[in-house]
Amino acid sequence: MTNAKKTAYCAMLTALSMIFSYIEALIPLFVGIPGVKLGLSNLVVVSGLYFLPAGWVFLVLVLKVTLVSFLFGNLSMLVYSMAGGVLSFLAMLMLKRIKGFSVVGVSMAGGVSHNIGQLAVAVLAVGSVAPLSYLPVLIAAGAVSGTAIGAAAYRVRGLLGRMENGG
């Protein structure tokens, strides 16, 4: 894949992830747990890991978090989202490289890691381990949302494979 094509994919994926973030903000998912959301924009990152080099996907993640935070959020959102996103990305990248993990398994680990990264920032922000009491809830929520996003990414991966092969 040429650098021009990678750049085009990167721009497209960044825009798509921003659109997904905006749509998710418009459609509240009320599950009775504050801060829990599906993470639609993570579909772009998970899918990207299977057809772009990791560095390009990381760039998409950083651009998405930065732009969405400045357009629709604030500095606090940037810090929490970047911590969760980077930890999630690293976990997914590591597991993707280990044979035996499916797209769903990789995404599930990403969902859980994202929540752990955000919780770590919360612990540092309040200077207490009290937010860790929320860990079991966030692990469960991350596993559920990661599974849903992973199932969708599995389908996207198949579609992208057919597109690349001309079918």
Foldseek 3Di string as FASTA:
>chain_A
DDPVVLVVLLVVLLVVLLVQVVVQVVDDDDPPDPPFGLNLSVLSLLLCVLPDPLVSSVVSQLSNLVVNCVPPHHPLSSQLQVQLQVQLSVQLNVVVPDPPAALLNSLLSSLLSSLVSSLVVVCVVVVHNVSCVCNVVSNVSSNVSSNVSSVVSVVVNVVVVCVVVVD
